[in-house]
Amino acid sequence: YSGLSTDDLHLRFFAVYHPPRRFFEHLAAA
């Protein structure tokens, strides 16, 4: 996610959002 452009982040989150570590912990524990 750190390698995504602002356009890519907007497409993923509908905003230029840089998620915190907890987001990725939640994703990995899906």
PDB file of all heavy atoms in Angstrom:
ATOM      1  N   TYR A   1       0.815  -1.214   0.000  1.00  0.00           N
ATOM      2  CA  TYR A   1       0.000   0.000   0.000  1.00  0.00           C
ATOM      3  C   TYR A   1       0.850   1.266   0.000  1.00  0.00           C
ATOM      4  O   TYR A   1       0.427   2.289  -0.526  1.00  0.00           O
ATOM      5  CB  TYR A   1      -0.961  -0.005   1.192  1.00  0.00           C
ATOM      6  CG  TYR A   1      -2.228  -0.783   0.930  1.00  0.00           C
ATOM      7  CD1 TYR A   1      -2.216  -2.169   0.827  1.00  0.00           C
ATOM      8  CD2 TYR A   1      -3.441  -0.127   0.771  1.00  0.00           C
ATOM      9  CE1 TYR A   1      -3.375  -2.886   0.583  1.00  0.00           C
ATOM     10  CE2 TYR A   1      -4.622  -0.828   0.527  1.00  0.00           C
ATOM     11  CZ  TYR A   1      -4.566  -2.207   0.429  1.00  0.00           C
ATOM     12  OH  TYR A   1      -5.720  -2.907   0.177  1.00  0.00           O
ATOM     13  N   SER A   2       2.046   1.201   0.568  1.00  0.00           N
ATOM     14  CA  SER A   2       2.907   2.395   0.575  1.00  0.00           C
ATOM     15  C   SER A   2       3.401   2.736  -0.826  1.00  0.00           C
ATOM     16  O   SER A   2       3.811   3.866  -1.085  1.00  0.00           O
ATOM     17  CB  SER A   2       4.085   2.214   1.524  1.00  0.00           C
ATOM     18  OG  SER A   2       5.012   1.266   1.009  1.00  0.00           O
ATOM     19  N   GLY A   3       3.356   1.772  -1.745  1.00  0.00           N
ATOM     20  CA  GLY A   3       3.777   2.023  -3.120  1.00  0.00           C
ATOM     21  C   GLY A   3       2.666   2.492  -4.036  1.00  0.00           C
ATOM     22  O   GLY A   3       2.890   2.729  -5.227  1.00  0.00           O
ATOM     23  N   LEU A   4       1.448   2.649  -3.499  1.00  0.00           N
ATOM     24  CA  LEU A   4       0.325   3.086  -4.328  1.00  0.00           C
ATOM     25  C   LEU A   4       0.363   4.594  -4.546  1.00  0.00           C
ATOM     26  O   LEU A   4       0.710   5.352  -3.649  1.00  0.00           O
ATOM     27  CB  LEU A   4      -1.002   2.699  -3.669  1.00  0.00           C
ATOM     28  CG  LEU A   4      -1.269   1.212  -3.489  1.00  0.00           C
ATOM     29  CD1 LEU A   4      -2.609   1.014  -2.784  1.00  0.00           C
ATOM     30  CD2 LEU A   4      -1.239   0.462  -4.810  1.00  0.00           C
ATOM     31  N   SER A   5      -0.019   5.008  -5.727  1.00  0.00           N
ATOM     32  CA  SER A   5      -0.117   6.440  -6.027  1.00  0.00           C
ATOM     33  C   SER A   5      -1.359   7.016  -5.351  1.00  0.00           C
ATOM     34  O   SER A   5      -2.228   6.276  -4.872  1.00  0.00           O
ATOM     35  CB  SER A   5      -0.224   6.645  -7.543  1.00  0.00           C
ATOM     36  OG  SER A   5      -1.479   6.171  -8.003  1.00  0.00           O
ATOM     37  N   THR A   6      -1.468   8.325  -5.338  1.00  0.00           N
ATOM     38  CA  THR A   6      -2.669   8.955  -4.777  1.00  0.00           C
ATOM     39  C   THR A   6      -3.907   8.556  -5.572  1.00  0.00           C
ATOM     40  O   THR A   6      -4.976   8.374  -5.000  1.00  0.00           O
ATOM     41  CB  THR A   6      -2.536  10.492  -4.716  1.00  0.00           C
ATOM     42  OG1 THR A   6      -2.222  10.990  -6.001  1.00  0.00           O
ATOM     43  CG2 THR A   6      -1.457  10.906  -3.733  1.00  0.00           C
ATOM     44  N   ASP A   7      -3.762   8.399  -6.891  1.00  0.00           N
ATOM     45  CA  ASP A   7      -4.896   7.935  -7.705  1.00  0.00           C
ATOM     46  C   ASP A   7      -5.313   6.519  -7.306  1.00  0.00           C
ATOM     47  O   ASP A   7      -6.502   6.220  -7.190  1.00  0.00           O
ATOM     48  CB  ASP A   7      -4.551   7.961  -9.193  1.00  0.00           C
ATOM     49  CG  ASP A   7      -4.511   9.364  -9.768  1.00  0.00           C
ATOM     50  OD1 ASP A   7      -5.084  10.296  -9.167  1.00  0.00           O
ATOM     51  OD2 ASP A   7      -3.888   9.530 -10.843  1.00  0.00           O
ATOM     52  N   ASP A   8      -4.328   5.635  -7.105  1.00  0.00           N
ATOM     53  CA  ASP A   8      -4.638   4.264  -6.700  1.00  0.00           C
ATOM     54  C   ASP A   8      -5.312   4.236  -5.331  1.00  0.00           C
ATOM     55  O   ASP A   8      -6.267   3.483  -5.116  1.00  0.00           O
ATOM     56  CB  ASP A   8      -3.371   3.410  -6.657  1.00  0.00           C
ATOM     57  CG  ASP A   8      -2.778   3.163  -8.030  1.00  0.00           C
ATOM     58  OD1 ASP A   8      -3.513   3.244  -9.029  1.00  0.00           O
ATOM     59  OD2 ASP A   8      -1.557   2.897  -8.093  1.00  0.00           O
ATOM     60  N   LEU A   9      -4.813   5.045  -4.398  1.00  0.00           N
ATOM     61  CA  LEU A   9      -5.430   5.108  -3.076  1.00  0.00           C
ATOM     62  C   LEU A   9      -6.869   5.604  -3.168  1.00  0.00           C
ATOM     63  O   LEU A   9      -7.758   5.087  -2.491  1.00  0.00           O
ATOM     64  CB  LEU A   9      -4.614   6.012  -2.145  1.00  0.00           C
ATOM     65  CG  LEU A   9      -3.267   5.455  -1.691  1.00  0.00           C
ATOM     66  CD1 LEU A   9      -2.452   6.544  -1.008  1.00  0.00           C
ATOM     67  CD2 LEU A   9      -3.463   4.262  -0.759  1.00  0.00           C
ATOM     68  N   HIS A  10      -7.090   6.584  -4.024  1.00  0.00           N
ATOM     69  CA  HIS A  10      -8.449   7.102  -4.195  1.00  0.00           C
ATOM     70  C   HIS A  10      -9.367   6.033  -4.775  1.00  0.00           C
ATOM     71  O   HIS A  10     -10.523   5.894  -4.344  1.00  0.00           O
ATOM     72  CB  HIS A  10      -8.437   8.343  -5.089  1.00  0.00           C
ATOM     73  CG  HIS A  10      -9.729   9.067  -5.089  1.00  0.00           C
ATOM     74  ND1 HIS A  10     -10.726   8.806  -5.998  1.00  0.00           N
ATOM     75  CD2 HIS A  10     -10.208  10.034  -4.267  1.00  0.00           C
ATOM     76  CE1 HIS A  10     -11.765   9.577  -5.745  1.00  0.00           C
ATOM     77  NE2 HIS A  10     -11.476  10.331  -4.708  1.00  0.00           N
ATOM     78  N   LEU A  11      -8.875   5.274  -5.731  1.00  0.00           N
ATOM     79  CA  LEU A  11      -9.688   4.194  -6.299  1.00  0.00           C
ATOM     80  C   LEU A  11     -10.003   3.124  -5.256  1.00  0.00           C
ATOM     81  O   LEU A  11     -11.089   2.547  -5.261  1.00  0.00           O
ATOM     82  CB  LEU A  11      -8.980   3.560  -7.501  1.00  0.00           C
ATOM     83  CG  LEU A  11      -8.917   4.421  -8.755  1.00  0.00           C
ATOM     84  CD1 LEU A  11      -7.972   3.803  -9.785  1.00  0.00           C
ATOM     85  CD2 LEU A  11     -10.308   4.602  -9.351  1.00  0.00           C
ATOM     86  N   ARG A  12      -9.073   2.864  -4.370  1.00  0.00           N
ATOM     87  CA  ARG A  12      -9.265   1.814  -3.356  1.00  0.00           C
ATOM     88  C   ARG A  12     -10.174   2.272  -2.220  1.00  0.00           C
ATOM     89  O   ARG A  12     -11.030   1.548  -1.761  1.00  0.00           O
ATOM     90  CB  ARG A  12      -7.894   1.389  -2.805  1.00  0.00           C
ATOM     91  CG  ARG A  12      -7.916   0.482  -1.575  1.00  0.00           C
ATOM     92  CD  ARG A  12      -8.634  -0.835  -1.854  1.00  0.00           C
ATOM     93  NE  ARG A  12      -8.552  -1.727  -0.731  1.00  0.00           N
ATOM     94  CZ  ARG A  12      -9.379  -1.725   0.317  1.00  0.00           C
ATOM     95  NH1 ARG A  12     -10.353  -0.832   0.391  1.00  0.00           N
ATOM     96  NH2 ARG A  12      -9.240  -2.600   1.286  1.00  0.00           N
ATOM     97  N   PHE A  13      -9.987   3.527  -1.752  1.00  0.00           N
ATOM     98  CA  PHE A  13     -10.707   4.002  -0.565  1.00  0.00           C
ATOM     99  C   PHE A  13     -11.697   5.126  -0.850  1.00  0.00           C
ATOM    100  O   PHE A  13     -12.335   5.625   0.071  1.00  0.00           O
ATOM    101  CB  PHE A  13      -9.700   4.496   0.490  1.00  0.00           C
ATOM    102  CG  PHE A  13      -8.784   3.423   0.986  1.00  0.00           C
ATOM    103  CD1 PHE A  13      -7.444   3.425   0.645  1.00  0.00           C
ATOM    104  CD2 PHE A  13      -9.260   2.412   1.800  1.00  0.00           C
ATOM    105  CE1 PHE A  13      -6.589   2.432   1.104  1.00  0.00           C
ATOM    106  CE2 PHE A  13      -8.416   1.420   2.273  1.00  0.00           C
ATOM    107  CZ  PHE A  13      -7.075   1.429   1.917  1.00  0.00           C
ATOM    108  N   PHE A  14     -11.784   5.576  -2.099  1.00  0.00           N
ATOM    109  CA  PHE A  14     -12.621   6.720  -2.469  1.00  0.00           C
ATOM    110  C   PHE A  14     -12.156   7.994  -1.766  1.00  0.00           C
ATOM    111  O   PHE A  14     -12.928   8.921  -1.559  1.00  0.00           O
ATOM    112  CB  PHE A  14     -14.104   6.441  -2.208  1.00  0.00           C
ATOM    113  CG  PHE A  14     -14.592   5.206  -2.910  1.00  0.00           C
ATOM    114  CD1 PHE A  14     -14.786   4.023  -2.210  1.00  0.00           C
ATOM    115  CD2 PHE A  14     -14.805   5.210  -4.274  1.00  0.00           C
ATOM    116  CE1 PHE A  14     -15.210   2.874  -2.860  1.00  0.00           C
ATOM    117  CE2 PHE A  14     -15.223   4.064  -4.936  1.00  0.00           C
ATOM    118  CZ  PHE A  14     -15.437   2.898  -4.218  1.00  0.00           C
ATOM    119  N   ALA A  15     -10.891   7.994  -1.389  1.00  0.00           N
ATOM    120  CA  ALA A  15     -10.222   9.138  -0.759  1.00  0.00           C
ATOM    121  C   ALA A  15      -8.733   8.829  -0.765  1.00  0.00           C
ATOM    122  O   ALA A  15      -8.347   7.676  -0.911  1.00  0.00           O
ATOM    123  CB  ALA A  15     -10.699   9.332   0.675  1.00  0.00           C
ATOM    124  N   VAL A  16      -7.919   9.840  -0.607  1.00  0.00           N
ATOM    125  CA  VAL A  16      -6.481   9.598  -0.458  1.00  0.00           C
ATOM    126  C   VAL A  16      -6.251   9.297   1.010  1.00  0.00           C
ATOM    127  O   VAL A  16      -6.089  10.195   1.836  1.00  0.00           O
ATOM    128  CB  VAL A  16      -5.645  10.796  -0.946  1.00  0.00           C
ATOM    129  CG1 VAL A  16      -4.167  10.520  -0.752  1.00  0.00           C
ATOM    130  CG2 VAL A  16      -5.944  11.082  -2.405  1.00  0.00           C
ATOM    131  N   TYR A  17      -6.303   8.034   1.327  1.00  0.00           N
ATOM    132  CA  TYR A  17      -6.268   7.559   2.706  1.00  0.00           C
ATOM    133  C   TYR A  17      -5.047   6.663   2.875  1.00  0.00           C
ATOM    134  O   TYR A  17      -4.805   5.770   2.063  1.00  0.00           O
ATOM    135  CB  TYR A  17      -7.550   6.777   2.994  1.00  0.00           C
ATOM    136  CG  TYR A  17      -7.612   6.103   4.329  1.00  0.00           C
ATOM    137  CD1 TYR A  17      -7.615   6.844   5.502  1.00  0.00           C
ATOM    138  CD2 TYR A  17      -7.686   4.718   4.419  1.00  0.00           C
ATOM    139  CE1 TYR A  17      -7.693   6.215   6.738  1.00  0.00           C
ATOM    140  CE2 TYR A  17      -7.769   4.084   5.652  1.00  0.00           C
ATOM    141  CZ  TYR A  17      -7.764   4.838   6.801  1.00  0.00           C
ATOM    142  OH  TYR A  17      -7.839   4.217   8.019  1.00  0.00           O
ATOM    143  N   HIS A  18      -4.279   6.914   3.916  1.00  0.00           N
ATOM    144  CA  HIS A  18      -3.132   6.088   4.255  1.00  0.00           C
ATOM    145  C   HIS A  18      -3.501   5.327   5.528  1.00  0.00           C
ATOM    146  O   HIS A  18      -3.416   5.880   6.629  1.00  0.00           O
ATOM    147  CB  HIS A  18      -1.879   6.948   4.469  1.00  0.00           C
ATOM    148  CG  HIS A  18      -1.482   7.683   3.226  1.00  0.00           C
ATOM    149  ND1 HIS A  18      -0.722   7.108   2.229  1.00  0.00           N
ATOM    150  CD2 HIS A  18      -1.764   8.925   2.797  1.00  0.00           C
ATOM    151  CE1 HIS A  18      -0.535   7.968   1.262  1.00  0.00           C
ATOM    152  NE2 HIS A  18      -1.172   9.088   1.572  1.00  0.00           N
ATOM    153  N   PRO A  19      -3.936   4.073   5.373  1.00  0.00           N
ATOM    154  CA  PRO A  19      -4.449   3.340   6.527  1.00  0.00           C
ATOM    155  C   PRO A  19      -3.373   3.062   7.577  1.00  0.00           C
ATOM    156  O   PRO A  19      -2.207   2.865   7.248  1.00  0.00           O
ATOM    157  CB  PRO A  19      -4.981   2.039   5.931  1.00  0.00           C
ATOM    158  CG  PRO A  19      -4.410   1.943   4.579  1.00  0.00           C
ATOM    159  CD  PRO A  19      -4.001   3.306   4.147  1.00  0.00           C
ATOM    160  N   PRO A  20      -3.784   3.018   8.845  1.00  0.00           N
ATOM    161  CA  PRO A  20      -2.847   2.689   9.924  1.00  0.00           C
ATOM    162  C   PRO A  20      -2.576   1.176   9.955  1.00  0.00           C
ATOM    163  O   PRO A  20      -3.279   0.381   9.310  1.00  0.00           O
ATOM    164  CB  PRO A  20      -3.609   3.125  11.185  1.00  0.00           C
ATOM    165  CG  PRO A  20      -5.048   2.949  10.813  1.00  0.00           C
ATOM    166  CD  PRO A  20      -5.130   3.310   9.344  1.00  0.00           C
ATOM    167  N   ARG A  21      -1.584   0.775  10.711  1.00  0.00           N
ATOM    168  CA  ARG A  21      -1.212  -0.633  10.827  1.00  0.00           C
ATOM    169  C   ARG A  21      -2.419  -1.500  11.198  1.00  0.00           C
ATOM    170  O   ARG A  21      -2.552  -2.620  10.708  1.00  0.00           O
ATOM    171  CB  ARG A  21      -0.091  -0.780  11.864  1.00  0.00           C
ATOM    172  CG  ARG A  21       0.414  -2.205  11.985  1.00  0.00           C
ATOM    173  CD  ARG A  21       1.607  -2.324  12.923  1.00  0.00           C
ATOM    174  NE  ARG A  21       2.130  -3.669  12.891  1.00  0.00           N
ATOM    175  CZ  ARG A  21       3.002  -4.130  12.006  1.00  0.00           C
ATOM    176  NH1 ARG A  21       3.466  -3.343  11.065  1.00  0.00           N
ATOM    177  NH2 ARG A  21       3.420  -5.382  12.054  1.00  0.00           N
ATOM    178  N   ARG A  22      -3.291  -1.012  12.057  1.00  0.00           N
ATOM    179  CA  ARG A  22      -4.464  -1.791  12.491  1.00  0.00           C
ATOM    180  C   ARG A  22      -5.312  -2.224  11.294  1.00  0.00           C
ATOM    181  O   ARG A  22      -5.885  -3.308  11.304  1.00  0.00           O
ATOM    182  CB  ARG A  22      -5.299  -0.977  13.485  1.00  0.00           C
ATOM    183  CG  ARG A  22      -6.552  -1.675  13.937  1.00  0.00           C
ATOM    184  CD  ARG A  22      -6.229  -2.937  14.747  1.00  0.00           C
ATOM    185  NE  ARG A  22      -7.440  -3.723  14.924  1.00  0.00           N
ATOM    186  CZ  ARG A  22      -7.587  -5.001  14.599  1.00  0.00           C
ATOM    187  NH1 ARG A  22      -6.580  -5.673  14.097  1.00  0.00           N
ATOM    188  NH2 ARG A  22      -8.716  -5.624  14.776  1.00  0.00           N
ATOM    189  N   PHE A  23      -5.417  -1.393  10.264  1.00  0.00           N
ATOM    190  CA  PHE A  23      -6.159  -1.758   9.050  1.00  0.00           C
ATOM    191  C   PHE A  23      -5.588  -3.042   8.450  1.00  0.00           C
ATOM    192  O   PHE A  23      -6.324  -3.952   8.068  1.00  0.00           O
ATOM    193  CB  PHE A  23      -6.090  -0.613   8.033  1.00  0.00           C
ATOM    194  CG  PHE A  23      -6.630  -0.970   6.682  1.00  0.00           C
ATOM    195  CD1 PHE A  23      -7.983  -0.854   6.404  1.00  0.00           C
ATOM    196  CD2 PHE A  23      -5.791  -1.441   5.677  1.00  0.00           C
ATOM    197  CE1 PHE A  23      -8.488  -1.193   5.155  1.00  0.00           C
ATOM    198  CE2 PHE A  23      -6.283  -1.779   4.430  1.00  0.00           C
ATOM    199  CZ  PHE A  23      -7.639  -1.653   4.168  1.00  0.00           C
ATOM    200  N   PHE A  24      -4.268  -3.123   8.369  1.00  0.00           N
ATOM    201  CA  PHE A  24      -3.620  -4.281   7.757  1.00  0.00           C
ATOM    202  C   PHE A  24      -3.686  -5.506   8.663  1.00  0.00           C
ATOM    203  O   PHE A  24      -3.785  -6.631   8.178  1.00  0.00           O
ATOM    204  CB  PHE A  24      -2.170  -3.935   7.390  1.00  0.00           C
ATOM    205  CG  PHE A  24      -2.106  -2.795   6.414  1.00  0.00           C
ATOM    206  CD1 PHE A  24      -1.731  -1.535   6.827  1.00  0.00           C
ATOM    207  CD2 PHE A  24      -2.457  -2.971   5.085  1.00  0.00           C
ATOM    208  CE1 PHE A  24      -1.684  -0.478   5.938  1.00  0.00           C
ATOM    209  CE2 PHE A  24      -2.430  -1.914   4.186  1.00  0.00           C
ATOM    210  CZ  PHE A  24      -2.042  -0.664   4.611  1.00  0.00           C
ATOM    211  N   GLU A  25      -3.658  -5.283   9.962  1.00  0.00           N
ATOM    212  CA  GLU A  25      -3.840  -6.394  10.897  1.00  0.00           C
ATOM    213  C   GLU A  25      -5.241  -6.986  10.745  1.00  0.00           C
ATOM    214  O   GLU A  25      -5.415  -8.209  10.744  1.00  0.00           O
ATOM    215  CB  GLU A  25      -3.594  -5.921  12.334  1.00  0.00           C
ATOM    216  CG  GLU A  25      -2.146  -5.566  12.595  1.00  0.00           C
ATOM    217  CD  GLU A  25      -1.932  -4.829  13.898  1.00  0.00           C
ATOM    218  OE1 GLU A  25      -2.927  -4.371  14.520  1.00  0.00           O
ATOM    219  OE2 GLU A  25      -0.760  -4.692  14.303  1.00  0.00           O
ATOM    220  N   HIS A  26      -6.229  -6.120  10.599  1.00  0.00           N
ATOM    221  CA  HIS A  26      -7.611  -6.551  10.384  1.00  0.00           C
ATOM    222  C   HIS A  26      -7.728  -7.306   9.056  1.00  0.00           C
ATOM    223  O   HIS A  26      -8.354  -8.371   8.986  1.00  0.00           O
ATOM    224  CB  HIS A  26      -8.524  -5.323  10.408  1.00  0.00           C
ATOM    225  CG  HIS A  26      -9.958  -5.600  10.083  1.00  0.00           C
ATOM    226  ND1 HIS A  26     -10.788  -6.324  10.909  1.00  0.00           N
ATOM    227  CD2 HIS A  26     -10.707  -5.244   9.018  1.00  0.00           C
ATOM    228  CE1 HIS A  26     -11.990  -6.397  10.363  1.00  0.00           C
ATOM    229  NE2 HIS A  26     -11.971  -5.749   9.211  1.00  0.00           N
ATOM    230  N   LEU A  27      -7.122  -6.784   8.020  1.00  0.00           N
ATOM    231  CA  LEU A  27      -7.165  -7.426   6.707  1.00  0.00           C
ATOM    232  C   LEU A  27      -6.524  -8.815   6.771  1.00  0.00           C
ATOM    233  O   LEU A  27      -7.087  -9.792   6.267  1.00  0.00           O
ATOM    234  CB  LEU A  27      -6.434  -6.548   5.689  1.00  0.00           C
ATOM    235  CG  LEU A  27      -6.620  -6.872   4.228  1.00  0.00           C
ATOM    236  CD1 LEU A  27      -6.444  -5.606   3.406  1.00  0.00           C
ATOM    237  CD2 LEU A  27      -5.659  -7.917   3.770  1.00  0.00           C
ATOM    238  N   ALA A  28      -5.360  -8.926   7.407  1.00  0.00           N
ATOM    239  CA  ALA A  28      -4.661 -10.208   7.493  1.00  0.00           C
ATOM    240  C   ALA A  28      -5.432 -11.223   8.336  1.00  0.00           C
ATOM    241  O   ALA A  28      -5.265 -12.430   8.156  1.00  0.00           O
ATOM    242  CB  ALA A  28      -3.257 -10.004   8.049  1.00  0.00           C
ATOM    243  N   ALA A  29      -6.282 -10.747   9.229  1.00  0.00           N
ATOM    244  CA  ALA A  29      -7.072 -11.629  10.090  1.00  0.00           C
ATOM    245  C   ALA A  29      -8.491 -11.820   9.563  1.00  0.00           C
ATOM    246  O   ALA A  29      -9.371 -12.258  10.295  1.00  0.00           O
ATOM    247  CB  ALA A  29      -7.112 -11.053  11.506  1.00  0.00           C
ATOM    248  N   ALA A  30      -8.704 -11.537   8.303  1.00  0.00           N
ATOM    249  CA  ALA A  30     -10.055 -11.566   7.730  1.00  0.00           C
ATOM    250  C   ALA A  30     -10.788 -12.872   8.000  1.00  0.00           C
ATOM    251  O   ALA A  30     -11.971 -12.863   8.326  1.00  0.00           O
ATOM    252  CB  ALA A  30      -9.989 -11.301   6.225  1.00  0.00           C
TER     253      ALA A  30
END
